[in-house]
Amino acid sequence: MLTRRDALKVAAGSAAALLVPAAARAADGPAPGFTLPPLPYAYDALEPHIDAKTMEIHHDRHHKAYVDNLNAALKDLPEWKTKSIDAVIENLKSFPESVRTAVRNNGGGHYNHTQFWTVMKKNGGGQPTGDLLKAIETAFGSFDGFQKAFTDAAMKRFGSGWAWLVPGGEKGLSITNSPNQDNPVMEGKAGPILGVDVWEHAYYLKYQNKRADYLKAWWNVVNWDQVAANYAAAHKR
């Protein structure tokens, strides 16, 4: 039987092991692959705008499925499991045709959702400040003009997909949308600093087929601090 001191040593060792990158822990075995990042807040943190059950299913089932399916697609390509998800989706043409579509769909799903969770927060909304607000006003005339253009892009994406705010271009920022789990990075563009998921699984439990109502509510949870950090990071690259 372990003494209390021995038990504490075991617990400390287990906690320390969790801090070691998965690739390092599996150095002598197969590449561990991609993992599902935890939500940075509770399931109900975004209520009443996005309900807890939608967040639970969206993260724990949909995002997890993208991660699991991506790892399965890469089972015979272990070298890619040690790379970043950015590297994977930037180099889709490097993959054999037999797995390219699966990598595109599931790698895109993993990349897109990993950012999506971070650009929302409890008590979010409002509008940005500082350099990001100046950039938005320069590109779109006003923050209201930006919101309208972004919402229009999200509404006009037929079927499933995303709307994005992307750094670069003639005015410094641009808005685009993409089908399925595609994103601007796959097209050789800069990584988006803000994206909204308009797949029905993102809103159907609360808003049914009313995408416009979902988008109106979504603006109340946008994490502008994170979007500003993404914008700043993009300008340092």
Foldseek 3Di string as FASTA:
>chain_A
DDDPVRVVVVVVVVVVVVVDDPCVVQVVHFQPADDQDDQPDQLCLLPPLAHSVLSCCCRVPVLRVLRVQLCVLCVVPRVCRVDDLLVQLLPLVVDDPVSSVSNQQSSLSNVVVVLASVQFGRQDADDADDPVQVLCCQQQVHVVSVLVVQLVQLVPQPAWWKKFWFADDPSGIDIHIDHRSHAVSNVVGGHTLDMDTPHCSNPCVPQNNCSVSSSVSRNRTGRNVSSVVSSVVSVVD
